[in-house]
């Protein structure tokens, strides 16, 4: 009997939390997952030297595959219009893939959190002010260039 594998993600084997705990691994960079890799890098804006460093760029390499509902899942997670995602994703459904996420670890932009009114039940007013500081976009673009260099 042959079984067609339409959902590439079904092929991934992810260890359970119980198996992970029994491995006696610990620390801030330990994660439960299947082949996830992280790269931490100091941008040209970061204050990094031989004695101390706090990287401001993180790149996450996520292996997997593009399954039938991938675009719909991404629409819900990232709020990107489904028609835009489908334009780029549709040719790769059913194929192995890797997702690269560039993360700004130390944004310089500062958002605002305000109370809507005196009621503790009211939702607060949140303005994250993403990329309000010009260095944030420059650092993120530097991370994207680094990612392209790593892939090429």
N, C-alpha and C. Protein backbone atom coordinates (compact mmCIF):
# COMPACT_ATOMS: atom_id res chain seq x y z
N UNK A 1 0.84 -1.18 0.00
CA UNK A 1 0.00 0.00 0.00
C UNK A 1 0.88 1.24 0.00
N UNK A 2 0.63 2.17 -0.91
CA UNK A 2 1.39 3.40 -0.98
C UNK A 2 0.57 4.54 -0.39
N UNK A 3 1.25 5.41 0.34
CA UNK A 3 0.60 6.57 0.93
C UNK A 3 1.27 7.81 0.38
N UNK A 4 0.49 8.69 -0.22
CA UNK A 4 1.04 9.94 -0.75
C UNK A 4 1.26 10.91 0.40
N UNK A 5 2.40 11.54 0.39
CA UNK A 5 2.70 12.53 1.42
C UNK A 5 2.49 13.91 0.81
N UNK A 6 1.34 14.50 1.10
CA UNK A 6 1.02 15.82 0.58
C UNK A 6 1.51 16.93 1.50
N UNK A 7 1.59 16.63 2.77
CA UNK A 7 1.98 17.63 3.74
C UNK A 7 3.40 17.34 4.18
N UNK A 8 4.35 18.10 3.65
CA UNK A 8 5.76 17.89 3.95
C UNK A 8 6.02 17.97 5.45
N UNK A 9 5.29 18.84 6.15
CA UNK A 9 5.52 18.99 7.58
C UNK A 9 5.22 17.71 8.35
N UNK A 10 4.39 16.84 7.79
CA UNK A 10 4.11 15.57 8.45
C UNK A 10 5.36 14.70 8.53
N UNK A 11 6.36 14.98 7.70
CA UNK A 11 7.58 14.17 7.69
C UNK A 11 8.55 14.58 8.79
N UNK A 12 8.37 15.76 9.36
CA UNK A 12 9.28 16.20 10.40
C UNK A 12 9.05 15.44 11.68
N UNK A 13 10.11 15.05 12.32
CA UNK A 13 10.02 14.38 13.61
C UNK A 13 10.52 15.37 14.66
N UNK A 14 9.65 15.74 15.56
CA UNK A 14 10.02 16.69 16.60
C UNK A 14 9.98 15.95 17.93
N UNK A 15 11.09 16.05 18.69
CA UNK A 15 11.14 15.33 19.95
C UNK A 15 10.14 15.92 20.93
N UNK A 16 9.61 15.07 21.77
CA UNK A 16 8.64 15.53 22.76
C UNK A 16 9.35 16.24 23.90
N UNK A 17 8.61 17.00 24.68
CA UNK A 17 9.21 17.68 25.83
C UNK A 17 9.81 16.69 26.81
N UNK A 18 9.19 15.51 26.99
CA UNK A 18 9.73 14.51 27.91
C UNK A 18 11.09 14.02 27.44
N UNK A 19 11.22 13.73 26.14
CA UNK A 19 12.51 13.30 25.61
C UNK A 19 13.54 14.42 25.73
N UNK A 20 13.10 15.63 25.53
CA UNK A 20 14.01 16.77 25.60
C UNK A 20 14.54 16.94 27.03
N UNK A 21 13.62 16.84 28.02
CA UNK A 21 14.05 16.99 29.41
C UNK A 21 15.02 15.89 29.81
N UNK A 22 14.83 14.69 29.31
CA UNK A 22 15.70 13.58 29.70
C UNK A 22 17.09 13.70 29.09
N UNK A 23 17.29 14.61 28.16
CA UNK A 23 18.61 14.76 27.54
C UNK A 23 19.56 15.59 28.41
N UNK A 24 19.05 16.18 29.51
CA UNK A 24 19.86 16.97 30.44
C UNK A 24 20.48 18.20 29.79
N UNK A 25 19.89 18.72 28.76
CA UNK A 25 20.37 19.95 28.13
C UNK A 25 19.65 21.13 28.77
N UNK A 26 20.38 22.22 28.95
CA UNK A 26 19.75 23.41 29.50
C UNK A 26 20.48 24.63 28.99
N UNK A 27 19.90 25.78 29.20
CA UNK A 27 20.53 27.02 28.80
C UNK A 27 19.64 27.83 27.92
N UNK A 28 20.02 29.11 27.70
CA UNK A 28 19.14 30.02 26.96
C UNK A 28 19.04 29.73 25.47
N UNK A 29 19.98 28.97 24.90
CA UNK A 29 19.95 28.73 23.46
C UNK A 29 19.45 27.33 23.12
N UNK A 30 18.96 26.58 24.10
CA UNK A 30 18.45 25.24 23.87
C UNK A 30 16.97 25.34 23.51
N UNK A 31 16.57 24.64 22.45
CA UNK A 31 15.19 24.70 22.00
C UNK A 31 14.71 23.31 21.60
N UNK A 32 13.43 23.06 21.74
CA UNK A 32 12.85 21.83 21.24
C UNK A 32 12.46 22.10 19.80
N UNK A 33 12.92 21.31 18.88
CA UNK A 33 12.59 21.52 17.48
C UNK A 33 13.35 20.56 16.61
N UNK A 34 13.12 20.66 15.33
CA UNK A 34 13.76 19.76 14.37
C UNK A 34 14.75 20.54 13.53
N UNK A 35 15.99 20.52 13.91
CA UNK A 35 17.03 21.13 13.09
C UNK A 35 16.99 22.63 13.00
N UNK A 36 16.49 23.30 14.01
CA UNK A 36 16.45 24.76 13.99
C UNK A 36 17.84 25.29 14.33
N UNK A 37 18.32 26.26 13.56
CA UNK A 37 19.62 26.87 13.82
C UNK A 37 19.45 28.37 14.02
N UNK A 38 20.30 28.92 14.85
CA UNK A 38 20.28 30.36 15.11
C UNK A 38 21.65 30.94 14.85
N UNK A 39 21.69 32.12 14.30
CA UNK A 39 22.93 32.85 14.13
C UNK A 39 22.76 34.20 14.81
N UNK A 40 23.66 34.52 15.71
CA UNK A 40 23.63 35.81 16.40
C UNK A 40 24.80 36.63 15.88
N UNK A 41 24.55 37.89 15.56
CA UNK A 41 25.57 38.72 14.94
C UNK A 41 25.45 40.15 15.46
N UNK A 42 26.59 40.76 15.67
CA UNK A 42 26.62 42.18 16.01
C UNK A 42 26.66 42.99 14.72
N UNK A 43 25.72 43.89 14.56
CA UNK A 43 25.72 44.75 13.38
C UNK A 43 26.79 45.82 13.55
N UNK A 44 26.96 46.62 12.54
CA UNK A 44 27.93 47.72 12.62
C UNK A 44 27.48 48.79 13.60
N UNK A 45 26.24 48.71 14.08
CA UNK A 45 25.71 49.69 15.04
C UNK A 45 25.86 49.21 16.48
N UNK A 46 26.12 47.92 16.68
CA UNK A 46 26.15 47.34 18.02
C UNK A 46 27.46 47.66 18.73
N UNK A 47 27.38 47.72 20.04
CA UNK A 47 28.57 47.93 20.85
C UNK A 47 29.13 46.57 21.25
N UNK A 48 29.87 45.96 20.34
CA UNK A 48 30.44 44.64 20.57
C UNK A 48 31.96 44.76 20.52
N UNK A 49 32.63 44.09 21.45
CA UNK A 49 34.09 44.06 21.43
C UNK A 49 34.56 42.71 21.96
N UNK A 50 35.86 42.58 22.20
CA UNK A 50 36.43 41.29 22.59
C UNK A 50 35.96 40.82 23.97
N UNK A 51 35.61 41.73 24.85
CA UNK A 51 35.24 41.33 26.21
C UNK A 51 33.74 41.24 26.42
N UNK A 52 32.98 41.98 25.69
CA UNK A 52 31.53 41.94 25.87
C UNK A 52 30.84 42.14 24.52
N UNK A 53 29.77 41.42 24.35
CA UNK A 53 28.98 41.61 23.13
C UNK A 53 27.54 41.23 23.42
N UNK A 54 26.67 41.93 22.80
CA UNK A 54 25.25 41.67 22.90
C UNK A 54 24.69 41.83 21.50
N UNK A 55 24.65 40.73 20.72
CA UNK A 55 24.25 40.83 19.31
C UNK A 55 22.88 41.47 19.13
N UNK A 56 22.78 42.29 18.11
CA UNK A 56 21.51 42.95 17.82
C UNK A 56 20.79 42.34 16.63
N UNK A 57 21.40 41.35 15.98
CA UNK A 57 20.77 40.64 14.86
C UNK A 57 20.71 39.16 15.21
N UNK A 58 19.56 38.56 14.97
CA UNK A 58 19.40 37.12 15.11
C UNK A 58 18.77 36.61 13.83
N UNK A 59 19.33 35.53 13.31
CA UNK A 59 18.77 34.89 12.12
C UNK A 59 18.40 33.47 12.51
N UNK A 60 17.14 33.10 12.27
CA UNK A 60 16.67 31.76 12.59
C UNK A 60 16.47 31.01 11.27
N UNK A 61 17.07 29.83 11.18
CA UNK A 61 16.95 28.96 10.01
C UNK A 61 15.99 27.84 10.39
N UNK A 62 14.81 27.81 9.76
CA UNK A 62 13.78 26.82 10.07
C UNK A 62 13.57 25.89 8.88
N UNK A 63 14.02 24.63 8.98
CA UNK A 63 13.76 23.69 7.89
C UNK A 63 12.32 23.22 7.95
N UNK A 64 11.81 22.81 6.84
CA UNK A 64 10.43 22.32 6.82
C UNK A 64 9.99 22.08 5.40
N UNK A 65 8.78 22.43 5.15
CA UNK A 65 8.23 22.27 3.82
C UNK A 65 7.04 23.17 3.65
N UNK A 66 6.65 23.35 2.41
CA UNK A 66 5.50 24.21 2.12
C UNK A 66 4.30 23.29 1.91
N UNK A 67 3.40 23.29 2.88
CA UNK A 67 2.21 22.45 2.81
C UNK A 67 1.02 23.25 2.27
N UNK A 68 -0.07 22.56 2.03
CA UNK A 68 -1.25 23.17 1.39
C UNK A 68 -1.77 24.40 2.12
N UNK A 69 -1.72 24.39 3.44
CA UNK A 69 -2.29 25.50 4.20
C UNK A 69 -1.22 26.51 4.66
N UNK A 70 -0.01 26.39 4.14
CA UNK A 70 1.09 27.26 4.57
C UNK A 70 0.75 28.74 4.40
N UNK A 71 0.27 29.12 3.23
CA UNK A 71 -0.04 30.53 2.97
C UNK A 71 -1.12 31.03 3.93
N UNK A 72 -2.14 30.24 4.14
CA UNK A 72 -3.22 30.62 5.06
C UNK A 72 -2.69 30.74 6.50
N UNK A 73 -1.80 29.82 6.88
CA UNK A 73 -1.19 29.88 8.21
C UNK A 73 -0.37 31.15 8.37
N UNK A 74 0.39 31.51 7.36
CA UNK A 74 1.23 32.71 7.40
C UNK A 74 0.38 33.97 7.43
N UNK A 75 -0.76 33.93 6.73
CA UNK A 75 -1.66 35.09 6.75
C UNK A 75 -2.12 35.36 8.17
N UNK A 76 -2.48 34.29 8.88
CA UNK A 76 -2.94 34.45 10.25
C UNK A 76 -1.83 34.87 11.20
N UNK A 77 -0.64 34.33 11.01
CA UNK A 77 0.48 34.63 11.90
C UNK A 77 1.08 36.01 11.67
N UNK A 78 1.21 36.39 10.41
CA UNK A 78 1.93 37.61 10.08
C UNK A 78 1.08 38.74 9.55
N UNK A 79 -0.19 38.46 9.30
CA UNK A 79 -1.08 39.51 8.84
C UNK A 79 -0.80 40.00 7.43
N UNK A 80 -0.17 39.15 6.60
CA UNK A 80 0.12 39.52 5.22
C UNK A 80 -1.03 39.04 4.34
N UNK A 81 -1.41 39.85 3.37
CA UNK A 81 -2.52 39.53 2.47
C UNK A 81 -2.28 38.18 1.78
N UNK A 82 -3.28 37.31 1.82
CA UNK A 82 -3.19 35.96 1.27
C UNK A 82 -2.83 35.95 -0.21
N UNK A 83 -3.35 36.88 -0.99
CA UNK A 83 -3.05 36.89 -2.43
C UNK A 83 -1.56 37.18 -2.67
N UNK A 84 -0.95 37.98 -1.83
CA UNK A 84 0.49 38.27 -1.97
C UNK A 84 1.30 37.03 -1.63
N UNK A 85 0.93 36.36 -0.53
CA UNK A 85 1.66 35.16 -0.12
C UNK A 85 1.53 34.08 -1.19
N UNK A 86 0.30 33.84 -1.68
CA UNK A 86 0.08 32.79 -2.67
C UNK A 86 0.89 33.01 -3.94
N UNK A 87 1.08 34.25 -4.33
CA UNK A 87 1.85 34.56 -5.54
C UNK A 87 3.25 33.95 -5.47
N UNK A 88 3.84 33.97 -4.27
CA UNK A 88 5.21 33.48 -4.12
C UNK A 88 5.28 32.04 -3.60
N UNK A 89 4.27 31.59 -2.90
CA UNK A 89 4.31 30.28 -2.25
C UNK A 89 3.76 29.15 -3.14
N UNK A 90 2.71 29.42 -3.92
CA UNK A 90 2.04 28.36 -4.69
C UNK A 90 2.98 27.45 -5.48
N UNK A 91 4.01 27.99 -6.16
CA UNK A 91 4.88 27.08 -6.94
C UNK A 91 5.67 26.09 -6.07
N UNK A 92 5.72 26.32 -4.77
CA UNK A 92 6.55 25.49 -3.90
C UNK A 92 5.76 24.56 -2.99
N UNK A 93 4.44 24.53 -3.12
CA UNK A 93 3.63 23.64 -2.28
C UNK A 93 4.05 22.19 -2.56
N UNK A 94 4.28 21.45 -1.47
CA UNK A 94 4.69 20.05 -1.59
C UNK A 94 6.18 19.85 -1.71
N UNK A 95 6.95 20.93 -1.57
CA UNK A 95 8.40 20.83 -1.71
C UNK A 95 9.08 21.19 -0.39
N UNK A 96 10.28 20.65 -0.21
CA UNK A 96 11.07 20.99 0.96
C UNK A 96 11.49 22.45 0.88
N UNK A 97 11.67 23.06 2.04
CA UNK A 97 12.01 24.47 2.07
C UNK A 97 12.73 24.80 3.37
N UNK A 98 13.24 26.00 3.43
CA UNK A 98 13.81 26.53 4.65
C UNK A 98 13.31 27.96 4.79
N UNK A 99 12.91 28.32 5.99
CA UNK A 99 12.44 29.68 6.25
C UNK A 99 13.54 30.40 7.03
N UNK A 100 13.86 31.60 6.60
CA UNK A 100 14.88 32.40 7.26
C UNK A 100 14.20 33.62 7.87
N UNK A 101 14.34 33.76 9.18
CA UNK A 101 13.72 34.88 9.89
C UNK A 101 14.81 35.78 10.43
N UNK A 102 14.79 37.03 10.03
CA UNK A 102 15.75 38.02 10.53
C UNK A 102 15.07 38.81 11.63
N UNK A 103 15.71 38.84 12.80
CA UNK A 103 15.10 39.46 13.97
C UNK A 103 16.00 40.56 14.50
N UNK A 104 15.40 41.68 14.83
CA UNK A 104 16.09 42.80 15.46
C UNK A 104 16.01 42.59 16.97
N UNK A 105 17.14 42.22 17.59
CA UNK A 105 17.14 41.87 19.01
C UNK A 105 17.13 43.07 19.95
N UNK A 106 17.68 44.19 19.54
CA UNK A 106 17.77 45.35 20.42
C UNK A 106 17.25 46.59 19.72
N UNK A 107 15.95 46.66 19.48
CA UNK A 107 15.42 47.84 18.78
C UNK A 107 15.65 49.10 19.60
N UNK A 108 15.93 50.18 18.91
CA UNK A 108 16.13 51.48 19.56
C UNK A 108 14.81 52.26 19.63
N UNK A 109 13.85 51.86 18.83
CA UNK A 109 12.54 52.51 18.85
C UNK A 109 11.84 52.20 20.16
N UNK A 110 11.12 53.16 20.67
CA UNK A 110 10.39 52.99 21.93
C UNK A 110 8.91 53.28 21.66
N UNK A 111 8.08 52.33 22.04
CA UNK A 111 6.65 52.48 21.84
C UNK A 111 5.97 53.12 23.04
N UNK A 112 4.65 53.16 22.95
CA UNK A 112 3.85 53.76 24.03
C UNK A 112 2.75 52.80 24.45
N UNK A 113 2.50 52.79 25.74
CA UNK A 113 1.42 52.02 26.32
C UNK A 113 0.64 52.98 27.21
N UNK A 114 -0.63 53.18 26.88
CA UNK A 114 -1.46 54.12 27.64
C UNK A 114 -2.75 53.43 28.07
N UNK A 115 -3.28 53.88 29.18
CA UNK A 115 -4.58 53.39 29.62
C UNK A 115 -5.67 54.12 28.84
N UNK A 116 -6.64 53.36 28.38
CA UNK A 116 -7.75 53.94 27.62
C UNK A 116 -8.63 54.80 28.51
N UNK A 117 -8.88 54.28 29.71
CA UNK A 117 -9.69 54.99 30.70
C UNK A 117 -9.36 54.41 32.08
N UNK A 118 -10.15 54.72 33.07
CA UNK A 118 -9.86 54.27 34.43
C UNK A 118 -10.30 52.83 34.71
N UNK A 119 -11.04 52.25 33.80
CA UNK A 119 -11.54 50.88 34.00
C UNK A 119 -10.42 49.86 33.82
N UNK A 120 -10.23 48.95 34.79
CA UNK A 120 -9.21 47.90 34.64
C UNK A 120 -9.59 46.86 33.59
N UNK A 121 -10.84 46.88 33.14
CA UNK A 121 -11.29 45.92 32.14
C UNK A 121 -11.09 46.41 30.71
N UNK A 122 -10.80 47.69 30.55
CA UNK A 122 -10.60 48.25 29.21
C UNK A 122 -9.23 47.83 28.67
N UNK A 123 -9.18 47.55 27.38
CA UNK A 123 -7.90 47.22 26.76
C UNK A 123 -7.05 48.47 26.68
N UNK A 124 -5.73 48.32 26.88
CA UNK A 124 -4.85 49.50 26.81
C UNK A 124 -4.67 49.96 25.37
N UNK A 125 -4.23 51.18 25.20
CA UNK A 125 -3.88 51.71 23.88
C UNK A 125 -2.39 51.45 23.67
N UNK A 126 -2.06 50.68 22.64
CA UNK A 126 -0.68 50.28 22.40
C UNK A 126 -0.24 50.81 21.04
N UNK A 127 0.86 51.53 21.03
CA UNK A 127 1.49 51.98 19.79
C UNK A 127 2.94 51.55 19.85
N UNK A 128 3.30 50.43 19.16
CA UNK A 128 4.67 49.91 19.27
C UNK A 128 5.73 50.81 18.61
N UNK A 129 5.29 51.69 17.71
CA UNK A 129 6.20 52.61 17.01
C UNK A 129 7.40 51.87 16.40
N UNK A 130 7.08 50.79 15.71
CA UNK A 130 8.13 50.03 15.02
C UNK A 130 8.89 50.93 14.07
N UNK A 131 10.20 50.78 14.03
CA UNK A 131 11.09 51.51 13.11
C UNK A 131 10.98 53.02 13.26
N UNK A 132 10.59 53.49 14.42
CA UNK A 132 10.55 54.92 14.69
C UNK A 132 11.96 55.51 14.73
N UNK A 133 12.91 54.71 15.19
CA UNK A 133 14.32 55.13 15.20
C UNK A 133 14.95 54.69 13.89
N UNK A 134 15.65 55.56 13.17
CA UNK A 134 16.18 55.21 11.85
C UNK A 134 17.20 54.07 11.87
N UNK A 135 17.91 53.86 12.98
CA UNK A 135 18.89 52.77 13.03
C UNK A 135 18.24 51.40 12.97
N UNK A 136 17.02 51.27 13.45
CA UNK A 136 16.36 49.96 13.46
C UNK A 136 16.23 49.38 12.05
N UNK A 137 15.78 50.17 11.11
CA UNK A 137 15.65 49.69 9.73
C UNK A 137 17.02 49.39 9.13
N UNK A 138 18.00 50.23 9.43
CA UNK A 138 19.36 50.01 8.91
C UNK A 138 19.94 48.69 9.43
N UNK A 139 19.73 48.41 10.71
CA UNK A 139 20.23 47.18 11.31
C UNK A 139 19.51 45.98 10.72
N UNK A 140 18.20 46.07 10.57
CA UNK A 140 17.43 44.96 10.00
C UNK A 140 17.86 44.68 8.56
N UNK A 141 18.09 45.74 7.78
CA UNK A 141 18.56 45.55 6.41
C UNK A 141 19.96 44.93 6.38
N UNK A 142 20.80 45.31 7.33
CA UNK A 142 22.13 44.69 7.45
C UNK A 142 21.98 43.20 7.75
N UNK A 143 21.01 42.85 8.59
CA UNK A 143 20.72 41.45 8.88
C UNK A 143 20.23 40.70 7.65
N UNK A 144 19.42 41.36 6.83
CA UNK A 144 18.95 40.75 5.58
C UNK A 144 20.11 40.50 4.62
N UNK A 145 21.03 41.47 4.52
CA UNK A 145 22.20 41.29 3.66
C UNK A 145 23.06 40.13 4.16
N UNK A 146 23.23 40.04 5.48
CA UNK A 146 23.99 38.94 6.07
C UNK A 146 23.31 37.61 5.75
N UNK A 147 22.00 37.57 5.82
CA UNK A 147 21.25 36.36 5.50
C UNK A 147 21.47 35.95 4.06
N UNK A 148 21.38 36.90 3.14
CA UNK A 148 21.63 36.60 1.73
C UNK A 148 23.04 36.04 1.53
N UNK A 149 24.02 36.64 2.22
CA UNK A 149 25.40 36.16 2.11
C UNK A 149 25.54 34.73 2.62
N UNK A 150 24.86 34.40 3.71
CA UNK A 150 24.92 33.06 4.27
C UNK A 150 24.29 32.03 3.33
N UNK A 151 23.21 32.41 2.69
CA UNK A 151 22.51 31.48 1.80
C UNK A 151 23.26 31.28 0.49
N UNK A 152 23.80 32.37 -0.03
CA UNK A 152 24.51 32.28 -1.30
C UNK A 152 25.81 31.58 -1.11
